[in-house]
């Protein structure tokens, strides 16, 4: 699996508890739709709390997993 540490642009909606749910995101000008969020975890990196989303999308007819 190829790991990239790049900033992304994301469109998300928020549930009543304030948890973001990604809808689509853009990396290097390419827009990807999020078909399914399979896991949400929380990490603490250099004192900053972050939510990590494991999302599945379809690229070229094949399912692809993304971590955001």
PDB file of N, CA and C in Angstrom:
ATOM      1  N   UNK A   1       0.842  -1.168   0.000  1.00  0.00           N
ATOM      2  CA  UNK A   1       0.000   0.000   0.000  1.00  0.00           C
ATOM      3  C   UNK A   1       0.888   1.233   0.000  1.00  0.00           C
ATOM      4  N   UNK A   2       0.545   2.208  -0.803  1.00  0.00           N
ATOM      5  CA  UNK A   2       1.296   3.449  -0.909  1.00  0.00           C
ATOM      6  C   UNK A   2       0.737   4.470   0.079  1.00  0.00           C
ATOM      7  N   UNK A   3       1.598   5.060   0.903  1.00  0.00           N
ATOM      8  CA  UNK A   3       1.176   6.039   1.906  1.00  0.00           C
ATOM      9  C   UNK A   3       1.666   7.411   1.495  1.00  0.00           C
ATOM     10  N   UNK A   4       0.748   8.369   1.431  1.00  0.00           N
ATOM     11  CA  UNK A   4       1.068   9.754   1.091  1.00  0.00           C
ATOM     12  C   UNK A   4       0.644  10.638   2.244  1.00  0.00           C
ATOM     13  N   UNK A   5       1.497  11.538   2.646  1.00  0.00           N
ATOM     14  CA  UNK A   5       1.149  12.511   3.673  1.00  0.00           C
ATOM     15  C   UNK A   5       0.984  13.856   2.975  1.00  0.00           C
ATOM     16  N   UNK A   6      -0.205  14.082   2.420  1.00  0.00           N
ATOM     17  CA  UNK A   6      -0.500  15.308   1.696  1.00  0.00           C
ATOM     18  C   UNK A   6      -1.745  15.946   2.282  1.00  0.00           C
ATOM     19  N   UNK A   7      -1.797  17.268   2.272  1.00  0.00           N
ATOM     20  CA  UNK A   7      -3.047  17.914   2.679  1.00  0.00           C
ATOM     21  C   UNK A   7      -4.114  17.683   1.613  1.00  0.00           C
ATOM     22  N   UNK A   8      -5.355  17.558   2.055  1.00  0.00           N
ATOM     23  CA  UNK A   8      -6.463  17.347   1.125  1.00  0.00           C
ATOM     24  C   UNK A   8      -7.557  18.359   1.416  1.00  0.00           C
ATOM     25  N   UNK A   9      -8.425  18.551   0.442  1.00  0.00           N
ATOM     26  CA  UNK A   9      -9.640  19.332   0.629  1.00  0.00           C
ATOM     27  C   UNK A   9     -10.782  18.338   0.769  1.00  0.00           C
ATOM     28  N   UNK A  10     -11.680  18.592   1.739  1.00  0.00           N
ATOM     29  CA  UNK A  10     -12.729  17.623   2.023  1.00  0.00           C
ATOM     30  C   UNK A  10     -14.060  18.332   2.176  1.00  0.00           C
ATOM     31  N   UNK A  11     -15.114  17.690   1.690  1.00  0.00           N
ATOM     32  CA  UNK A  11     -16.480  18.119   1.948  1.00  0.00           C
ATOM     33  C   UNK A  11     -17.094  17.067   2.851  1.00  0.00           C
ATOM     34  N   UNK A  12     -17.689  17.523   3.955  1.00  0.00           N
ATOM     35  CA  UNK A  12     -18.257  16.601   4.932  1.00  0.00           C
ATOM     36  C   UNK A  12     -19.541  17.177   5.501  1.00  0.00           C
ATOM     37  N   UNK A  13     -20.374  16.318   6.044  1.00  0.00           N
ATOM     38  CA  UNK A  13     -21.524  16.758   6.826  1.00  0.00           C
ATOM     39  C   UNK A  13     -21.292  16.310   8.260  1.00  0.00           C
ATOM     40  N   UNK A  14     -21.945  16.948   9.202  1.00  0.00           N
ATOM     41  CA  UNK A  14     -21.742  16.678  10.618  1.00  0.00           C
ATOM     42  C   UNK A  14     -23.031  16.122  11.223  1.00  0.00           C
ATOM     43  N   UNK A  15     -22.893  15.069  12.058  1.00  0.00           N
ATOM     44  CA  UNK A  15     -24.065  14.529  12.736  1.00  0.00           C
ATOM     45  C   UNK A  15     -24.378  15.367  13.976  1.00  0.00           C
ATOM     46  N   UNK A  16     -25.373  14.968  14.746  1.00  0.00           N
ATOM     47  CA  UNK A  16     -25.807  15.756  15.900  1.00  0.00           C
ATOM     48  C   UNK A  16     -24.743  15.857  16.986  1.00  0.00           C
ATOM     49  N   UNK A  17     -23.845  14.884  17.076  1.00  0.00           N
ATOM     50  CA  UNK A  17     -22.764  14.925  18.060  1.00  0.00           C
ATOM     51  C   UNK A  17     -21.571  15.740  17.580  1.00  0.00           C
ATOM     52  N   UNK A  18     -21.598  16.212  16.348  1.00  0.00           N
ATOM     53  CA  UNK A  18     -20.508  17.017  15.804  1.00  0.00           C
ATOM     54  C   UNK A  18     -19.415  16.214  15.135  1.00  0.00           C
ATOM     55  N   UNK A  19     -19.665  14.932  14.852  1.00  0.00           N
ATOM     56  CA  UNK A  19     -18.678  14.083  14.187  1.00  0.00           C
ATOM     57  C   UNK A  19     -18.781  14.294  12.676  1.00  0.00           C
ATOM     58  N   UNK A  20     -17.670  14.664  12.012  1.00  0.00           N
ATOM     59  CA  UNK A  20     -17.734  14.863  10.557  1.00  0.00           C
ATOM     60  C   UNK A  20     -17.832  13.535   9.816  1.00  0.00           C
ATOM     61  N   UNK A  21     -18.599  13.523   8.755  1.00  0.00           N
ATOM     62  CA  UNK A  21     -18.740  12.363   7.865  1.00  0.00           C
ATOM     63  C   UNK A  21     -18.325  12.800   6.466  1.00  0.00           C
ATOM     64  N   UNK A  22     -17.203  12.311   5.951  1.00  0.00           N
ATOM     65  CA  UNK A  22     -16.731  12.760   4.635  1.00  0.00           C
ATOM     66  C   UNK A  22     -17.667  12.333   3.508  1.00  0.00           C
ATOM     67  N   UNK A  23     -17.839  13.223   2.534  1.00  0.00           N
ATOM     68  CA  UNK A  23     -18.677  12.963   1.367  1.00  0.00           C
ATOM     69  C   UNK A  23     -17.792  12.804   0.132  1.00  0.00           C
ATOM     70  N   UNK A  24     -16.862  13.735  -0.056  1.00  0.00           N
ATOM     71  CA  UNK A  24     -15.895  13.647  -1.152  1.00  0.00           C
ATOM     72  C   UNK A  24     -14.654  14.446  -0.775  1.00  0.00           C
ATOM     73  N   UNK A  25     -13.551  14.182  -1.475  1.00  0.00           N
ATOM     74  CA  UNK A  25     -12.314  14.894  -1.200  1.00  0.00           C
ATOM     75  C   UNK A  25     -11.509  15.043  -2.475  1.00  0.00           C
ATOM     76  N   UNK A  26     -10.548  15.982  -2.432  1.00  0.00           N
ATOM     77  CA  UNK A  26      -9.734  16.286  -3.613  1.00  0.00           C
ATOM     78  C   UNK A  26      -8.260  16.181  -3.248  1.00  0.00           C
ATOM     79  N   UNK A  27      -7.504  15.435  -4.059  1.00  0.00           N
ATOM     80  CA  UNK A  27      -6.047  15.318  -3.942  1.00  0.00           C
ATOM     81  C   UNK A  27      -5.456  15.618  -5.311  1.00  0.00           C
ATOM     82  N   UNK A  28      -4.571  16.595  -5.373  1.00  0.00           N
ATOM     83  CA  UNK A  28      -3.885  16.968  -6.625  1.00  0.00           C
ATOM     84  C   UNK A  28      -4.867  17.227  -7.774  1.00  0.00           C
ATOM     85  N   UNK A  29      -5.989  17.876  -7.473  1.00  0.00           N
ATOM     86  CA  UNK A  29      -6.948  18.225  -8.515  1.00  0.00           C
ATOM     87  C   UNK A  29      -7.939  17.132  -8.863  1.00  0.00           C
ATOM     88  N   UNK A  30      -7.741  15.907  -8.391  1.00  0.00           N
ATOM     89  CA  UNK A  30      -8.659  14.793  -8.658  1.00  0.00           C
ATOM     90  C   UNK A  30      -9.693  14.724  -7.536  1.00  0.00           C
ATOM     91  N   UNK A  31     -10.965  14.614  -7.886  1.00  0.00           N
ATOM     92  CA  UNK A  31     -12.041  14.536  -6.906  1.00  0.00           C
ATOM     93  C   UNK A  31     -12.482  13.080  -6.771  1.00  0.00           C
ATOM     94  N   UNK A  32     -12.594  12.617  -5.518  1.00  0.00           N
ATOM     95  CA  UNK A  32     -12.988  11.249  -5.220  1.00  0.00           C
ATOM     96  C   UNK A  32     -14.226  11.270  -4.333  1.00  0.00           C
ATOM     97  N   UNK A  33     -15.227  10.482  -4.678  1.00  0.00           N
ATOM     98  CA  UNK A  33     -16.433  10.335  -3.866  1.00  0.00           C
ATOM     99  C   UNK A  33     -16.182   9.256  -2.823  1.00  0.00           C
ATOM    100  N   UNK A  34     -16.674   9.479  -1.619  1.00  0.00           N
ATOM    101  CA  UNK A  34     -16.567   8.483  -0.550  1.00  0.00           C
ATOM    102  C   UNK A  34     -17.826   7.630  -0.599  1.00  0.00           C
ATOM    103  N   UNK A  35     -17.667   6.326  -0.864  1.00  0.00           N
ATOM    104  CA  UNK A  35     -18.812   5.429  -0.951  1.00  0.00           C
ATOM    105  C   UNK A  35     -19.163   4.841   0.404  1.00  0.00           C
ATOM    106  N   UNK A  36     -18.134   4.613   1.252  1.00  0.00           N
ATOM    107  CA  UNK A  36     -18.376   3.988   2.546  1.00  0.00           C
ATOM    108  C   UNK A  36     -17.283   4.395   3.530  1.00  0.00           C
ATOM    109  N   UNK A  37     -17.668   4.699   4.766  1.00  0.00           N
ATOM    110  CA  UNK A  37     -16.717   4.930   5.854  1.00  0.00           C
ATOM    111  C   UNK A  37     -16.765   3.686   6.720  1.00  0.00           C
ATOM    112  N   UNK A  38     -15.666   2.917   6.739  1.00  0.00           N
ATOM    113  CA  UNK A  38     -15.678   1.645   7.460  1.00  0.00           C
ATOM    114  C   UNK A  38     -15.162   1.752   8.887  1.00  0.00           C
ATOM    115  N   UNK A  39     -14.339   2.769   9.191  1.00  0.00           N
ATOM    116  CA  UNK A  39     -13.766   2.869  10.526  1.00  0.00           C
ATOM    117  C   UNK A  39     -13.384   4.322  10.804  1.00  0.00           C
ATOM    118  N   UNK A  40     -13.594   4.751  12.055  1.00  0.00           N
ATOM    119  CA  UNK A  40     -13.154   6.063  12.512  1.00  0.00           C
ATOM    120  C   UNK A  40     -12.333   5.839  13.766  1.00  0.00           C
ATOM    121  N   UNK A  41     -11.087   6.305  13.758  1.00  0.00           N
ATOM    122  CA  UNK A  41     -10.239   6.178  14.940  1.00  0.00           C
ATOM    123  C   UNK A  41      -9.694   7.554  15.295  1.00  0.00           C
ATOM    124  N   UNK A  42      -9.133   7.659  16.490  1.00  0.00           N
ATOM    125  CA  UNK A  42      -8.593   8.929  16.941  1.00  0.00           C
ATOM    126  C   UNK A  42      -7.132   8.735  17.326  1.00  0.00           C
ATOM    127  N   UNK A  43      -6.275   9.651  16.882  1.00  0.00           N
ATOM    128  CA  UNK A  43      -4.850   9.611  17.184  1.00  0.00           C
ATOM    129  C   UNK A  43      -4.424  10.948  17.768  1.00  0.00           C
ATOM    130  N   UNK A  44      -3.326  10.913  18.478  1.00  0.00           N
ATOM    131  CA  UNK A  44      -2.748  12.137  19.009  1.00  0.00           C
ATOM    132  C   UNK A  44      -1.324  12.228  18.475  1.00  0.00           C
ATOM    133  N   UNK A  45      -1.063  13.237  17.646  1.00  0.00           N
ATOM    134  CA  UNK A  45       0.232  13.415  17.017  1.00  0.00           C
ATOM    135  C   UNK A  45       0.757  14.797  17.386  1.00  0.00           C
ATOM    136  N   UNK A  46       1.880  14.850  18.071  1.00  0.00           N
ATOM    137  CA  UNK A  46       2.520  16.084  18.517  1.00  0.00           C
ATOM    138  C   UNK A  46       1.521  16.956  19.299  1.00  0.00           C
ATOM    139  N   UNK A  47       0.727  16.319  20.137  1.00  0.00           N
ATOM    140  CA  UNK A  47      -0.214  17.036  20.975  1.00  0.00           C
ATOM    141  C   UNK A  47      -1.515  17.416  20.293  1.00  0.00           C
ATOM    142  N   UNK A  48      -1.664  17.110  19.012  1.00  0.00           N
ATOM    143  CA  UNK A  48      -2.886  17.440  18.275  1.00  0.00           C
ATOM    144  C   UNK A  48      -3.740  16.186  18.114  1.00  0.00           C
ATOM    145  N   UNK A  49      -4.998  16.274  18.555  1.00  0.00           N
ATOM    146  CA  UNK A  49      -5.921  15.162  18.379  1.00  0.00           C
ATOM    147  C   UNK A  49      -6.466  15.189  16.962  1.00  0.00           C
ATOM    148  N   UNK A  50      -6.467  14.022  16.311  1.00  0.00           N
ATOM    149  CA  UNK A  50      -6.935  13.911  14.932  1.00  0.00           C
ATOM    150  C   UNK A  50      -7.858  12.716  14.807  1.00  0.00           C
ATOM    151  N   UNK A  51      -8.856  12.843  13.956  1.00  0.00           N
ATOM    152  CA  UNK A  51      -9.709  11.714  13.617  1.00  0.00           C
ATOM    153  C   UNK A  51      -9.215  11.148  12.292  1.00  0.00           C
ATOM    154  N   UNK A  52      -9.050   9.826  12.248  1.00  0.00           N
ATOM    155  CA  UNK A  52      -8.604   9.137  11.045  1.00  0.00           C
ATOM    156  C   UNK A  52      -9.789   8.344  10.501  1.00  0.00           C
ATOM    157  N   UNK A  53     -10.152   8.607   9.252  1.00  0.00           N
ATOM    158  CA  UNK A  53     -11.275   7.939   8.609  1.00  0.00           C
ATOM    159  C   UNK A  53     -10.743   6.919   7.607  1.00  0.00           C
ATOM    160  N   UNK A  54     -11.247   5.707   7.678  1.00  0.00           N
ATOM    161  CA  UNK A  54     -10.929   4.689   6.676  1.00  0.00           C
ATOM    162  C   UNK A  54     -12.129   4.640   5.738  1.00  0.00           C
ATOM    163  N   UNK A  55     -11.911   5.115   4.513  1.00  0.00           N
ATOM    164  CA  UNK A  55     -12.985   5.271   3.540  1.00  0.00           C
ATOM    165  C   UNK A  55     -12.745   4.364   2.346  1.00  0.00           C
ATOM    166  N   UNK A  56     -13.833   3.977   1.703  1.00  0.00           N
ATOM    167  CA  UNK A  56     -13.737   3.180   0.491  1.00  0.00           C
ATOM    168  C   UNK A  56     -14.384   3.947  -0.649  1.00  0.00           C
ATOM    169  N   UNK A  57     -13.722   3.937  -1.785  1.00  0.00           N
ATOM    170  CA  UNK A  57     -14.210   4.594  -2.981  1.00  0.00           C
ATOM    171  C   UNK A  57     -13.960   3.665  -4.159  1.00  0.00           C
ATOM    172  N   UNK A  58     -14.426   4.043  -5.312  1.00  0.00           N
ATOM    173  CA  UNK A  58     -14.219   3.226  -6.505  1.00  0.00           C
ATOM    174  C   UNK A  58     -13.457   4.050  -7.536  1.00  0.00           C
ATOM    175  N   UNK A  59     -12.305   3.538  -7.954  1.00  0.00           N
ATOM    176  CA  UNK A  59     -11.481   4.217  -8.953  1.00  0.00           C
ATOM    177  C   UNK A  59     -11.222   3.234 -10.086  1.00  0.00           C
ATOM    178  N   UNK A  60     -11.649   3.607 -11.266  1.00  0.00           N
ATOM    179  CA  UNK A  60     -11.450   2.742 -12.418  1.00  0.00           C
ATOM    180  C   UNK A  60     -12.184   1.418 -12.298  1.00  0.00           C
ATOM    181  N   UNK A  61     -13.306   1.398 -11.591  1.00  0.00           N
ATOM    182  CA  UNK A  61     -14.074   0.172 -11.438  1.00  0.00           C
ATOM    183  C   UNK A  61     -13.579  -0.738 -10.328  1.00  0.00           C
ATOM    184  N   UNK A  62     -12.504  -0.365  -9.628  1.00  0.00           N
ATOM    185  CA  UNK A  62     -11.974  -1.191  -8.543  1.00  0.00           C
ATOM    186  C   UNK A  62     -12.144  -0.476  -7.213  1.00  0.00           C
ATOM    187  N   UNK A  63     -12.571  -1.207  -6.169  1.00  0.00           N
ATOM    188  CA  UNK A  63     -12.665  -0.571  -4.852  1.00  0.00           C
ATOM    189  C   UNK A  63     -11.288  -0.220  -4.309  1.00  0.00           C
ATOM    190  N   UNK A  64     -11.159   0.985  -3.767  1.00  0.00           N
ATOM    191  CA  UNK A  64      -9.893   1.494  -3.242  1.00  0.00           C
ATOM    192  C   UNK A  64     -10.137   2.023  -1.835  1.00  0.00           C
ATOM    193  N   UNK A  65      -9.207   1.751  -0.915  1.00  0.00           N
ATOM    194  CA  UNK A  65      -9.321   2.190   0.472  1.00  0.00           C
ATOM    195  C   UNK A  65      -8.437   3.401   0.694  1.00  0.00           C
ATOM    196  N   UNK A  66      -8.988   4.422   1.357  1.00  0.00           N
ATOM    197  CA  UNK A  66      -8.264   5.632   1.694  1.00  0.00           C
ATOM    198  C   UNK A  66      -8.325   5.832   3.193  1.00  0.00           C
ATOM    199  N   UNK A  67      -7.252   6.395   3.757  1.00  0.00           N
ATOM    200  CA  UNK A  67      -7.228   6.818   5.148  1.00  0.00           C
ATOM    201  C   UNK A  67      -7.089   8.328   5.133  1.00  0.00           C
ATOM    202  N   UNK A  68      -8.009   9.027   5.810  1.00  0.00           N
ATOM    203  CA  UNK A  68      -7.948  10.480   5.860  1.00  0.00           C
ATOM    204  C   UNK A  68      -7.932  10.908   7.293  1.00  0.00           C
TER     205      UNK A  68
END
